[in-house]
Protein backbone atom coordinates (compact mmCIF):
# COMPACT_ATOMS: atom_id res chain seq x y z
CA GLN A 1 -37.96 68.05 26.85
CA LEU A 2 -36.55 68.31 30.35
CA ALA A 3 -36.37 64.62 31.15
CA CYS A 4 -36.51 61.39 29.25
CA HIS A 5 -35.86 57.73 29.85
CA LEU A 6 -32.90 56.47 27.88
CA GLY A 7 -32.94 52.83 26.93
CA CYS A 8 -30.22 50.71 25.41
CA HIS A 9 -29.41 51.79 21.84
CA SER A 10 -31.17 55.17 22.24
CA VAL A 11 -29.58 57.82 20.01
CA VAL A 12 -28.99 61.21 21.61
CA ASN A 13 -28.22 64.46 19.76
CA THR A 14 -26.09 66.53 22.14
CA LYS A 15 -26.35 69.82 20.16
CA ARG A 16 -22.54 70.19 20.20
CA PHE A 17 -22.24 69.77 23.97
CA LEU A 18 -20.50 66.48 23.12
CA HIS A 19 -19.07 66.41 19.60
CA SER A 20 -16.53 64.32 17.73
CA HIS A 21 -15.04 64.36 14.26
CA LEU A 22 -12.10 62.91 12.32
CA HIS A 23 -9.36 65.05 13.89
CA ALA A 24 -6.53 63.76 16.06
CA SER A 25 -6.58 64.66 19.76
CA PRO A 26 -3.60 66.67 21.07
CA LEU A 27 -2.19 64.19 23.61
CA SER A 28 -2.93 60.65 22.42
CA ASN A 29 -3.64 61.27 18.71
CA GLN A 30 -6.90 59.37 19.10
CA GLN A 31 -10.16 60.77 17.69
CA GLU A 32 -10.76 64.22 19.18
CA VAL A 33 -13.85 65.01 21.29
CA SER A 34 -14.98 68.57 21.97
CA CYS A 35 -17.78 70.41 23.76
CA TYR A 36 -18.65 73.80 22.33
CA GLY A 37 -22.41 74.02 21.88
CA ASP A 38 -24.85 76.70 22.81
CA GLY A 39 -27.77 74.25 23.06
CA SER A 40 -29.77 75.72 20.21
CA HIS A 41 -31.53 73.39 17.81
CA GLU A 42 -29.97 75.22 14.88
CA SER A 43 -26.40 74.38 15.89
CA GLY A 44 -24.48 71.21 15.35
CA ASP A 45 -24.28 68.38 12.87
CA THR A 46 -24.20 64.57 12.80
CA GLY A 47 -20.96 64.66 14.84
CA ASP A 48 -23.19 65.41 17.86
CA ASN A 49 -25.04 62.06 17.73
CA TRP A 50 -24.22 59.29 20.21
CA ARG A 51 -25.76 55.85 20.88
CA VAL A 52 -26.29 54.80 24.49
CA GLU A 53 -25.15 51.22 25.19
CA ILE A 54 -26.28 49.89 28.56
CA ASP A 55 -24.78 46.74 30.05
CA GLY A 56 -27.68 44.33 30.39
CA ASN A 57 -30.03 46.44 28.22
CA GLY A 58 -33.07 48.07 29.85
CA GLN A 59 -33.28 51.69 31.06
CA TRP A 60 -30.24 53.71 32.13
CA LYS A 61 -30.22 54.02 35.93
CA ARG A 62 -28.07 55.98 38.35
CA SER A 63 -24.57 54.49 38.81
CA GLN A 64 -25.18 51.96 36.00
CA PRO A 65 -22.24 51.88 33.57
CA ILE A 66 -22.91 52.81 29.97
CA ARG A 67 -20.91 53.38 26.82
CA LEU A 68 -21.50 56.21 24.37
CA GLN A 69 -20.80 55.22 20.78
CA HIS A 70 -20.28 57.99 18.23
CA ILE A 71 -22.78 57.42 15.41
CA ASP A 72 -20.63 58.75 12.55
CA THR A 73 -17.41 56.89 13.38
CA HIS A 74 -18.64 53.99 15.57
CA LYS A 75 -15.95 54.74 18.18
CA TYR A 76 -16.54 54.94 21.95
CA LEU A 77 -16.19 57.92 24.30
CA HIS A 78 -12.96 57.13 26.15
CA SER A 79 -10.59 58.48 28.81
CA HIS A 80 -7.82 57.24 31.10
CA ALA A 81 -5.17 58.66 33.43
CA ALA A 82 -2.25 58.10 31.03
CA HIS A 83 -3.18 61.23 29.07
CA ARG A 84 -3.40 64.28 31.35
CA TYR A 85 -3.01 67.91 30.38
CA ARG A 86 -0.38 70.15 31.94
CA ASN A 87 -1.30 73.70 30.89
CA PRO A 88 -3.71 75.47 30.85
CA ILE A 89 -5.81 72.78 32.61
CA PRO A 90 -3.34 70.81 34.74
CA GLY A 91 -4.47 67.34 35.82
CA GLN A 92 -7.50 67.15 33.51
CA GLN A 93 -7.70 63.92 31.54
CA GLU A 94 -8.03 63.97 27.78
CA VAL A 95 -11.37 62.60 26.53
CA THR A 96 -11.29 60.99 23.09
CA CYS A 97 -12.99 58.35 20.98
CA PHE A 98 -11.48 54.86 20.82
CA ALA A 99 -12.25 52.04 18.40
CA TYR A 100 -12.61 49.20 20.91
CA LYS A 101 -14.72 48.53 23.99
CA ASN A 102 -12.80 48.40 27.27
CA ASN A 103 -13.14 49.63 30.86
CA ASP A 104 -11.79 53.09 29.90
CA ASN A 105 -14.96 53.79 27.94
CA LEU A 106 -17.47 52.97 30.68
CA TRP A 107 -19.28 56.01 32.12
CA SER A 108 -21.89 56.49 34.83
CA ALA A 109 -24.09 59.33 36.09
CA GLU A 110 -23.60 59.89 39.79
CA GLU A 111 -25.31 63.26 40.27
CA GLY A 112 -28.43 64.85 38.89
CA ILE A 113 -32.19 64.65 39.10
CA TYR A 114 -33.58 61.16 38.69
CA TYR A 115 -37.15 60.17 38.01
CA PRO A 116 -38.68 56.75 38.69
CA PRO A 117 -39.07 54.62 35.55
CA GLN A 118 -42.43 54.88 33.84
CA LYS A 119 -44.50 51.71 33.79
C-alpha cells in the first residue's frame, strides 16, 4: 500500500524503521528508539507498532502536530535539544520514548506526497 489516510488512534507497524524496546538510551537513559529495518514483512516484532494521536481527532494533515505512542510500552516518541550527540553524529538530537505527553513529543510531516482526503 503506497498511501493511506491515517486517522486518530490508527496503529502503524513500521517494520523496524521505527522501533523501541525496554533498553536505556545512551544520552538520557530514557527508553531507546532505533531504526534498523529493511522494510520486509518478515522482519520486526511488536516493538515496531505505534499509535497515531492527532490533536483534535480526524485525519492527519500536513503540518498538523501528532504524537506517536509506542504500543508495547505506552510511551511517546520524544526528542529535545538538551540531548545531542557529539561523535560520530555531532549535533544530532537523541530520539527516545518518554512516559508523559509534552511539547517535546509533538511531531509533524512537512515534506512528502499528500493526497486529498477521501470523502
